[in-house]
N, C-alpha and C. Protein backbone atom coordinates (compact mmCIF):
# COMPACT_ATOMS: atom_id res chain seq x y z
N MET A 1 81.92 177.48 85.72
CA MET A 1 83.66 177.73 85.71
C MET A 1 84.15 178.72 86.31
N PRO A 2 85.18 178.74 86.94
CA PRO A 2 85.60 179.78 87.94
C PRO A 2 86.15 180.85 87.17
N SER A 3 86.14 181.94 87.47
CA SER A 3 86.83 183.05 86.41
C SER A 3 88.50 183.06 86.71
N GLN A 4 89.11 183.30 85.86
CA GLN A 4 90.72 183.70 85.94
C GLN A 4 91.08 184.99 86.49
N PRO A 5 92.00 184.87 87.52
CA PRO A 5 92.43 186.09 88.00
C PRO A 5 93.41 186.84 87.34
N SER A 6 93.85 187.76 87.38
CA SER A 6 94.89 188.50 86.40
C SER A 6 95.96 187.57 86.33
N HIS A 7 96.70 187.82 85.06
CA HIS A 7 97.81 187.25 84.80
C HIS A 7 98.94 186.98 86.03
N SER A 8 99.15 188.64 86.07
CA SER A 8 100.32 188.71 87.17
C SER A 8 100.15 188.31 88.56
N LEU A 9 98.82 187.97 88.64
CA LEU A 9 98.65 187.46 90.27
C LEU A 9 98.87 185.92 90.11
N THR A 10 98.55 185.50 88.91
CA THR A 10 98.52 184.10 88.90
C THR A 10 99.99 183.54 88.57
N SER A 11 100.67 184.51 87.97
CA SER A 11 102.05 184.40 87.96
C SER A 11 102.66 184.24 89.34
N ALA A 12 102.54 185.02 89.81
CA ALA A 12 103.13 184.91 91.30
C ALA A 12 102.55 183.66 92.24
N VAL A 13 101.72 183.37 92.19
CA VAL A 13 101.22 181.85 92.26
C VAL A 13 101.86 180.50 91.92
N LEU A 14 101.97 180.94 90.63
CA LEU A 14 102.76 179.62 89.92
C LEU A 14 103.99 179.69 90.48
N ALA A 15 104.76 180.93 90.32
CA ALA A 15 106.20 181.04 90.80
C ALA A 15 106.25 180.09 92.59
N LEU A 16 105.41 180.60 93.26
CA LEU A 16 105.57 179.65 94.11
C LEU A 16 105.52 178.12 94.47
N VAL A 17 104.38 177.87 93.27
CA VAL A 17 104.17 176.29 93.56
C VAL A 17 105.34 175.66 92.64
N ASP A 18 106.01 176.49 91.43
CA ASP A 18 106.89 175.83 90.72
C ASP A 18 108.13 175.78 91.71
N ALA A 19 108.44 176.44 92.79
CA ALA A 19 109.41 176.53 93.94
C ALA A 19 109.24 175.30 94.46
N GLY A 20 108.05 174.88 94.71
CA GLY A 20 107.93 173.89 95.85
C GLY A 20 107.52 174.65 97.19
N VAL A 21 107.20 175.58 97.47
CA VAL A 21 106.56 176.26 98.51
C VAL A 21 105.19 175.78 98.93
N GLU A 22 105.45 175.45 100.16
CA GLU A 22 104.11 175.02 100.87
C GLU A 22 103.38 176.08 100.76
N PHE A 23 102.15 176.39 100.92
CA PHE A 23 101.23 177.58 101.12
C PHE A 23 100.02 177.08 100.66
N ILE A 24 99.10 177.91 101.35
CA ILE A 24 97.66 177.74 101.05
C ILE A 24 97.30 179.27 100.74
N LEU A 25 96.35 179.20 99.21
CA LEU A 25 95.99 180.50 98.97
C LEU A 25 94.75 180.64 99.69
N VAL A 26 94.66 181.97 100.25
CA VAL A 26 93.52 182.44 101.04
C VAL A 26 93.12 183.50 100.77
N GLY A 27 91.82 184.16 101.25
CA GLY A 27 91.44 185.45 100.54
C GLY A 27 90.82 185.50 99.49
N GLY A 28 90.71 186.76 98.71
CA GLY A 28 90.02 186.86 97.60
C GLY A 28 90.22 186.01 96.42
N LEU A 29 91.46 185.93 96.06
CA LEU A 29 91.99 185.06 95.05
C LEU A 29 91.41 183.82 95.33
N ALA A 30 91.65 183.10 96.45
CA ALA A 30 91.10 181.71 96.53
C ALA A 30 89.70 181.84 96.43
N ALA A 31 88.88 182.65 96.78
CA ALA A 31 87.65 182.42 96.22
C ALA A 31 87.30 182.53 95.13
N VAL A 32 87.82 183.46 94.23
CA VAL A 32 87.77 183.71 92.82
C VAL A 32 88.18 182.34 92.18
N ALA A 33 89.31 181.87 92.64
CA ALA A 33 89.74 180.32 91.88
C ALA A 33 88.60 179.45 92.29
N GLN A 34 87.58 179.44 92.99
CA GLN A 34 86.43 178.30 93.37
C GLN A 34 85.11 179.02 92.70
N GLY A 35 84.98 180.19 92.14
CA GLY A 35 83.77 180.53 91.20
C GLY A 35 83.12 181.97 91.90
N ALA A 36 83.75 182.59 92.78
CA ALA A 36 83.25 183.59 93.20
C ALA A 36 83.58 184.86 92.58
N SER A 37 82.53 185.65 92.04
CA SER A 37 82.68 186.89 91.23
C SER A 37 83.14 188.27 92.10
N LEU A 38 84.50 187.98 92.67
CA LEU A 38 85.01 189.08 93.36
C LEU A 38 86.01 189.84 92.34
N THR A 39 86.33 191.15 92.79
CA THR A 39 87.69 191.61 92.12
C THR A 39 88.79 191.75 93.02
N ASN A 40 89.87 191.26 92.71
CA ASN A 40 91.01 190.86 93.64
C ASN A 40 92.29 191.70 93.06
N PHE A 41 92.96 192.04 94.11
CA PHE A 41 94.05 193.03 93.72
C PHE A 41 95.43 192.54 94.26
N ASP A 42 95.38 191.27 94.77
CA ASP A 42 96.65 190.88 95.36
C ASP A 42 96.57 189.35 95.85
N VAL A 43 97.69 188.93 96.28
CA VAL A 43 97.72 187.35 96.61
C VAL A 43 97.86 187.47 97.75
N ASP A 44 97.04 186.73 98.73
CA ASP A 44 97.28 186.41 100.13
C ASP A 44 97.41 184.73 100.11
N ILE A 45 98.77 184.54 100.79
CA ILE A 45 99.05 183.17 101.22
C ILE A 45 99.38 182.92 102.66
N VAL A 46 98.88 181.61 103.13
CA VAL A 46 99.39 181.48 104.82
C VAL A 46 100.29 179.99 104.22
N HIS A 47 101.69 180.18 104.80
CA HIS A 47 102.83 179.47 104.37
C HIS A 47 103.00 178.77 105.68
N SER A 48 103.61 177.33 105.33
CA SER A 48 104.16 176.53 106.37
C SER A 48 105.47 177.15 106.70
N ARG A 49 105.78 177.20 108.10
CA ARG A 49 106.61 178.03 108.67
C ARG A 49 108.02 177.26 108.97
N ASP A 50 107.97 176.06 108.32
CA ASP A 50 109.31 175.26 108.54
C ASP A 50 110.36 175.99 107.89
N GLU A 51 111.83 175.50 108.58
CA GLU A 51 112.96 176.14 108.16
C GLU A 51 113.08 176.21 106.40
N GLU A 52 113.03 174.86 106.03
CA GLU A 52 112.99 174.43 104.50
C GLU A 52 112.06 175.12 103.71
N ASN A 53 110.74 175.74 104.15
CA ASN A 53 109.98 176.29 103.24
C ASN A 53 110.15 177.63 103.37
N VAL A 54 110.64 178.43 104.44
CA VAL A 54 110.82 179.61 104.56
C VAL A 54 112.12 180.09 103.55
N ASP A 55 112.57 179.13 103.67
CA ASP A 55 114.07 179.10 102.38
C ASP A 55 113.31 179.43 101.12
N LYS A 56 112.71 178.34 100.74
CA LYS A 56 112.09 178.49 99.37
C LYS A 56 111.28 179.65 99.28
N LEU A 57 110.61 179.80 100.13
CA LEU A 57 109.85 181.23 99.85
C LEU A 57 110.81 182.51 99.72
N LEU A 58 111.84 182.49 100.66
CA LEU A 58 112.64 183.62 100.45
C LEU A 58 113.35 183.80 99.05
N ASP A 59 113.84 182.42 98.50
CA ASP A 59 114.11 182.38 97.33
C ASP A 59 113.17 183.20 96.30
N VAL A 60 111.79 182.56 96.41
CA VAL A 60 110.72 183.11 95.28
C VAL A 60 110.76 184.81 95.41
N LEU A 61 110.92 185.00 96.75
CA LEU A 61 110.47 186.42 97.14
C LEU A 61 111.82 187.32 96.60
N THR A 62 112.91 186.91 96.83
CA THR A 62 114.14 187.25 95.98
C THR A 62 113.99 187.69 94.39
N GLY A 63 113.59 186.58 94.28
CA GLY A 63 113.33 186.49 92.50
C GLY A 63 112.46 187.36 92.05
N LEU A 64 111.41 187.68 92.62
CA LEU A 64 110.49 188.58 92.34
C LEU A 64 110.68 189.89 93.03
N ASP A 65 111.98 190.36 93.21
CA ASP A 65 112.49 191.68 93.90
C ASP A 65 111.44 192.09 94.70
N ALA A 66 111.09 191.49 95.73
CA ALA A 66 109.87 191.63 96.72
C ALA A 66 110.41 192.55 97.75
N TYR A 67 109.94 193.83 98.59
CA TYR A 67 109.95 194.48 99.46
C TYR A 67 108.94 194.67 99.86
N TYR A 68 108.90 195.10 101.44
CA TYR A 68 107.65 195.48 102.00
C TYR A 68 106.96 196.77 101.88
N ARG A 69 105.68 196.65 101.74
CA ARG A 69 104.79 197.80 101.56
C ARG A 69 104.75 198.55 102.46
N GLY A 70 104.45 199.94 102.30
CA GLY A 70 104.01 201.05 103.30
C GLY A 70 105.17 201.30 104.19
N ARG A 71 106.19 201.16 103.80
CA ARG A 71 107.34 201.84 104.69
C ARG A 71 107.49 203.23 104.58
N PRO A 72 107.80 203.82 105.80
CA PRO A 72 107.92 205.26 105.86
C PRO A 72 108.91 205.85 104.70
N GLY A 73 108.58 206.97 104.17
CA GLY A 73 109.51 207.39 103.30
C GLY A 73 109.95 206.83 102.10
N GLY A 74 109.00 205.68 101.90
CA GLY A 74 109.09 204.79 100.65
C GLY A 74 110.44 203.85 100.72
N THR A 75 111.13 204.03 102.04
CA THR A 75 112.38 203.03 102.07
C THR A 75 111.78 201.50 101.54
N ARG A 76 112.86 200.98 100.74
CA ARG A 76 112.80 199.38 100.67
C ARG A 76 113.64 198.52 101.35
N LEU A 77 112.61 197.74 101.91
CA LEU A 77 113.17 196.82 102.87
C LEU A 77 112.88 195.50 102.12
N GLY A 78 113.92 194.69 102.09
CA GLY A 78 113.58 193.30 101.44
C GLY A 78 113.06 192.28 102.77
N PRO A 79 112.68 191.02 102.07
CA PRO A 79 111.96 190.08 103.07
C PRO A 79 112.64 189.91 104.33
N ASP A 80 112.37 189.23 105.34
CA ASP A 80 113.10 189.27 106.70
C ASP A 80 112.41 187.97 107.14
N ARG A 81 113.51 187.20 106.97
CA ARG A 81 113.62 185.30 107.67
C ARG A 81 112.62 185.30 108.99
N ARG A 82 113.24 186.16 109.76
CA ARG A 82 112.68 185.83 111.20
C ARG A 82 110.92 186.50 111.04
N ALA A 83 110.70 187.12 110.39
CA ALA A 83 109.31 188.16 110.20
C ALA A 83 108.45 186.44 109.32
N LEU A 84 108.96 186.11 108.39
CA LEU A 84 108.36 184.65 107.59
C LEU A 84 108.46 183.63 108.67
N SER A 85 109.07 183.47 109.66
CA SER A 85 109.36 182.31 110.33
C SER A 85 108.08 182.44 111.44
N GLY A 86 107.41 183.44 111.65
CA GLY A 86 106.45 183.82 112.84
C GLY A 86 105.10 183.96 112.57
N PRO A 87 104.34 184.24 113.11
CA PRO A 87 102.88 184.39 113.02
C PRO A 87 102.40 185.77 112.20
N GLU A 88 103.47 186.63 111.86
CA GLU A 88 103.17 188.11 111.68
C GLU A 88 102.65 187.96 110.08
N HIS A 89 102.09 189.06 109.60
CA HIS A 89 101.92 189.36 108.43
C HIS A 89 102.88 190.06 107.59
N SER A 90 103.46 189.52 106.57
CA SER A 90 104.44 190.38 105.80
C SER A 90 103.69 190.91 104.33
N LEU A 91 103.82 192.19 104.20
CA LEU A 91 102.98 192.56 103.01
C LEU A 91 104.03 192.99 102.12
N PHE A 92 104.02 192.47 100.90
CA PHE A 92 105.28 192.93 99.98
C PHE A 92 104.51 193.19 98.75
N MET A 93 105.58 194.05 98.28
CA MET A 93 105.10 194.40 96.32
C MET A 93 106.18 193.64 95.93
N THR A 94 105.86 193.05 94.71
CA THR A 94 106.90 192.08 93.96
C THR A 94 106.73 192.89 92.63
N THR A 95 107.70 192.35 91.55
CA THR A 95 107.31 192.48 90.03
C THR A 95 106.05 192.07 89.45
N LEU A 96 105.38 190.99 90.25
CA LEU A 96 104.13 190.91 89.72
C LEU A 96 102.91 191.45 90.46
N GLY A 97 103.28 192.35 91.47
CA GLY A 97 102.17 193.00 92.06
C GLY A 97 102.07 192.32 93.45
N PRO A 98 101.14 193.08 94.38
CA PRO A 98 101.14 192.81 95.81
C PRO A 98 100.75 191.07 95.97
N LEU A 99 101.78 190.77 97.24
CA LEU A 99 101.77 189.59 97.75
C LEU A 99 101.77 189.54 99.24
N ASP A 100 100.77 189.04 99.71
CA ASP A 100 100.58 189.09 101.18
C ASP A 100 100.70 187.55 101.94
N VAL A 101 102.01 187.61 102.64
CA VAL A 101 102.49 186.34 103.29
C VAL A 101 101.97 186.32 104.73
N LEU A 102 101.35 185.58 104.89
CA LEU A 102 100.59 185.56 106.36
C LEU A 102 101.04 184.28 106.98
N GLY A 103 101.52 184.47 108.32
CA GLY A 103 102.06 183.37 109.21
C GLY A 103 100.87 182.79 109.69
N GLU A 104 99.96 183.65 110.02
CA GLU A 104 98.52 183.24 110.49
C GLU A 104 97.58 184.03 110.06
N ILE A 105 96.19 183.59 110.06
CA ILE A 105 95.10 184.29 109.99
C ILE A 105 94.07 184.30 110.90
N GLU A 106 92.72 184.75 110.74
CA GLU A 106 91.73 185.20 111.69
C GLU A 106 91.88 183.74 112.86
N GLY A 107 91.93 184.13 114.14
CA GLY A 107 91.83 183.11 115.44
C GLY A 107 93.11 182.26 115.12
N HIS A 108 94.03 183.06 114.93
CA HIS A 108 95.44 182.56 115.29
C HIS A 108 95.58 181.17 114.18
N ARG A 109 94.90 181.21 113.21
CA ARG A 109 95.05 179.80 112.31
C ARG A 109 96.21 179.73 111.40
N SER A 110 96.90 178.66 111.52
CA SER A 110 98.49 178.47 110.93
C SER A 110 98.09 177.75 109.86
N TYR A 111 99.12 177.75 108.68
CA TYR A 111 98.98 176.60 107.69
C TYR A 111 98.55 175.31 108.13
N ALA A 112 99.41 174.33 109.47
CA ALA A 112 98.88 172.97 110.04
C ALA A 112 97.60 173.36 110.14
N GLU A 113 96.96 174.31 111.03
CA GLU A 113 95.59 174.40 111.08
C GLU A 113 94.45 174.34 109.97
N LEU A 114 95.03 175.06 108.74
CA LEU A 114 94.32 175.18 107.62
C LEU A 114 94.24 174.21 106.74
N ILE A 115 95.35 173.41 106.93
CA ILE A 115 95.27 172.27 105.63
C ILE A 115 94.37 171.42 105.78
N GLU A 116 93.41 171.13 106.51
CA GLU A 116 92.09 170.32 106.58
C GLU A 116 91.24 171.00 106.04
N HIS A 117 91.16 172.14 105.76
CA HIS A 117 90.11 173.08 105.50
C HIS A 117 90.60 173.35 103.79
N THR A 118 91.18 172.92 103.04
CA THR A 118 91.68 173.14 101.60
C THR A 118 90.84 172.40 100.39
N GLU A 119 91.19 173.00 99.31
CA GLU A 119 90.73 172.19 98.01
C GLU A 119 91.84 172.29 97.16
N ASN A 120 92.28 171.44 96.24
CA ASN A 120 93.10 171.51 95.14
C ASN A 120 92.51 171.94 94.29
N VAL A 121 92.95 173.02 93.72
CA VAL A 121 92.54 173.55 92.26
C VAL A 121 93.30 173.64 91.26
N ALA A 122 93.08 173.40 89.98
CA ALA A 122 93.97 173.34 88.83
C ALA A 122 94.03 174.77 88.29
N LEU A 123 95.24 175.31 88.27
CA LEU A 123 95.51 176.66 87.75
C LEU A 123 96.87 176.39 86.65
N PHE A 124 96.46 176.49 85.20
CA PHE A 124 97.49 176.74 84.60
C PHE A 124 98.43 175.14 84.26
N GLY A 125 97.73 174.00 84.40
CA GLY A 125 98.42 172.89 84.39
C GLY A 125 99.30 172.48 85.95
N ARG A 126 98.75 173.18 87.11
CA ARG A 126 99.57 172.87 88.10
C ARG A 126 98.15 172.90 89.14
N THR A 127 98.58 172.46 90.25
CA THR A 127 97.55 172.12 91.47
C THR A 127 98.10 173.12 92.57
N VAL A 128 97.02 174.08 92.95
CA VAL A 128 97.08 174.67 93.72
C VAL A 128 96.05 174.74 95.17
N ARG A 129 96.69 174.59 96.19
CA ARG A 129 96.17 174.36 97.48
C ARG A 129 95.37 175.64 98.07
N VAL A 130 94.03 175.88 97.97
CA VAL A 130 93.08 177.02 98.25
C VAL A 130 92.45 176.85 99.49
N LEU A 131 92.23 177.77 100.00
CA LEU A 131 91.18 177.30 101.34
C LEU A 131 89.87 177.44 100.73
N SER A 132 89.30 176.44 101.21
CA SER A 132 87.93 176.04 100.97
C SER A 132 86.97 177.35 101.19
N LEU A 133 85.87 177.49 100.15
CA LEU A 133 85.20 178.55 100.10
C LEU A 133 84.01 178.59 101.25
N GLU A 134 83.86 177.46 101.86
CA GLU A 134 83.04 177.26 103.16
C GLU A 134 84.11 178.00 104.20
N MET A 135 85.12 177.40 104.30
CA MET A 135 85.92 178.20 105.43
C MET A 135 86.12 179.55 105.24
N ILE A 136 86.47 180.14 104.00
CA ILE A 136 86.30 181.40 103.62
C ILE A 136 85.13 182.21 104.12
N VAL A 137 84.08 181.58 103.57
CA VAL A 137 82.66 182.13 104.16
C VAL A 137 82.70 182.29 105.72
N ARG A 138 82.77 181.13 106.38
CA ARG A 138 82.94 180.86 107.79
C ARG A 138 83.82 182.20 108.40
N LEU A 139 85.10 182.41 107.98
CA LEU A 139 85.76 183.63 108.40
C LEU A 139 85.19 184.79 108.20
N LYS A 140 84.52 185.06 107.03
CA LYS A 140 83.98 186.36 106.87
C LYS A 140 83.10 186.56 107.62
N ARG A 141 82.41 185.93 108.13
CA ARG A 141 80.92 185.87 108.60
C ARG A 141 81.27 186.40 110.04
N ALA A 142 82.67 186.12 110.58
CA ALA A 142 83.00 186.41 112.14
C ALA A 142 83.76 188.11 112.09
N SER A 143 84.05 188.02 110.88
CA SER A 143 84.54 189.48 110.51
C SER A 143 83.95 190.71 110.74
N THR A 144 84.42 191.91 111.02
CA THR A 144 83.60 192.99 111.23
C THR A 144 84.62 194.15 110.13
N HIS A 145 85.41 193.69 109.69
CA HIS A 145 85.99 194.63 108.86
C HIS A 145 85.24 194.79 107.38
N PRO A 146 84.81 196.07 107.05
CA PRO A 146 84.00 196.46 106.07
C PRO A 146 84.16 195.60 104.64
N LYS A 147 85.20 195.57 104.26
CA LYS A 147 85.56 194.50 102.86
C LYS A 147 85.05 193.69 103.14
N ASP A 148 85.11 192.80 104.18
CA ASP A 148 84.65 191.59 104.43
C ASP A 148 83.05 191.68 104.65
N VAL A 149 82.78 192.14 105.03
CA VAL A 149 80.88 192.28 105.45
C VAL A 149 80.54 192.78 103.91
N GLN A 150 81.32 193.45 102.93
CA GLN A 150 80.69 193.74 101.72
C GLN A 150 80.74 192.49 100.61
N ALA A 151 82.06 191.53 101.09
CA ALA A 151 82.09 190.77 100.17
C ALA A 151 81.26 189.33 100.48
N LEU A 152 80.64 189.24 101.64
CA LEU A 152 79.92 188.08 102.23
C LEU A 152 78.96 187.77 101.36
N PRO A 153 77.87 188.64 101.05
CA PRO A 153 76.95 188.15 100.09
C PRO A 153 77.55 187.36 98.69
N ILE A 154 78.48 187.84 98.29
CA ILE A 154 79.19 187.19 96.77
C ILE A 154 79.66 185.95 97.24
N LEU A 155 80.21 185.88 98.29
CA LEU A 155 80.82 184.55 98.63
C LEU A 155 79.81 183.59 99.01
N GLU A 156 78.97 183.71 99.82
CA GLU A 156 77.68 183.02 100.41
C GLU A 156 76.98 182.64 99.15
N ALA A 157 76.69 183.39 97.90
CA ALA A 157 76.16 183.20 96.58
C ALA A 157 77.01 181.99 95.94
N ALA A 158 78.43 182.30 95.90
CA ALA A 158 79.34 181.57 95.18
C ALA A 158 79.10 180.12 95.97
N LEU A 159 78.91 180.02 96.98
CA LEU A 159 79.27 178.74 97.89
C LEU A 159 77.72 177.91 97.87
N LYS A 160 76.56 178.68 97.92
CA LYS A 160 75.46 178.01 97.33
C LYS A 160 75.39 177.39 95.88
N LEU A 161 75.91 178.12 95.12
CA LEU A 161 75.96 177.61 93.73
C LEU A 161 76.96 176.32 93.57
N GLY A 162 78.08 176.27 94.25
CA GLY A 162 78.81 175.28 94.14
C GLY A 162 77.94 173.95 95.04
N LYS A 163 77.22 174.03 95.72
CA LYS A 163 76.92 172.78 96.45
C LYS A 163 75.89 172.04 95.68
N PRO A 164 75.84 170.77 95.69
CA PRO A 164 74.97 170.02 95.06
C PRO A 164 73.56 169.98 95.37
């Protein structure tokens, strides 16, 4: 049985689901939702960048008092429609913790390109679309980032355990 991520992180995911935001949960939390034993401290999503979906996403971010992390001098800058409509990474802090909103991930893969590599996972009575563990492993194998290299054996083990 997959382990449950922290309550605040799942609350952020559920806020997106409840608002009807079209997104794919990617990264560590997606792997945890599929049985990987990783420690995760943020939510990473790739979202549909169509105008209506960006509006829904902005509403959720506003409701979570989101602001861009890592700004010089600690200045708070709220979500930016133009950034959310493009391929950039928008790294937010919210009342529920860090939320990384990604227009694209490795290899310029967008929501539309990733959708065929997703699984539906039940989370507190809702359905969350997550990037498949197989695709997460494929992306991590191609990465040279130390964090990804370190997580790869755990992800590969979870993938082997999940296969019949």
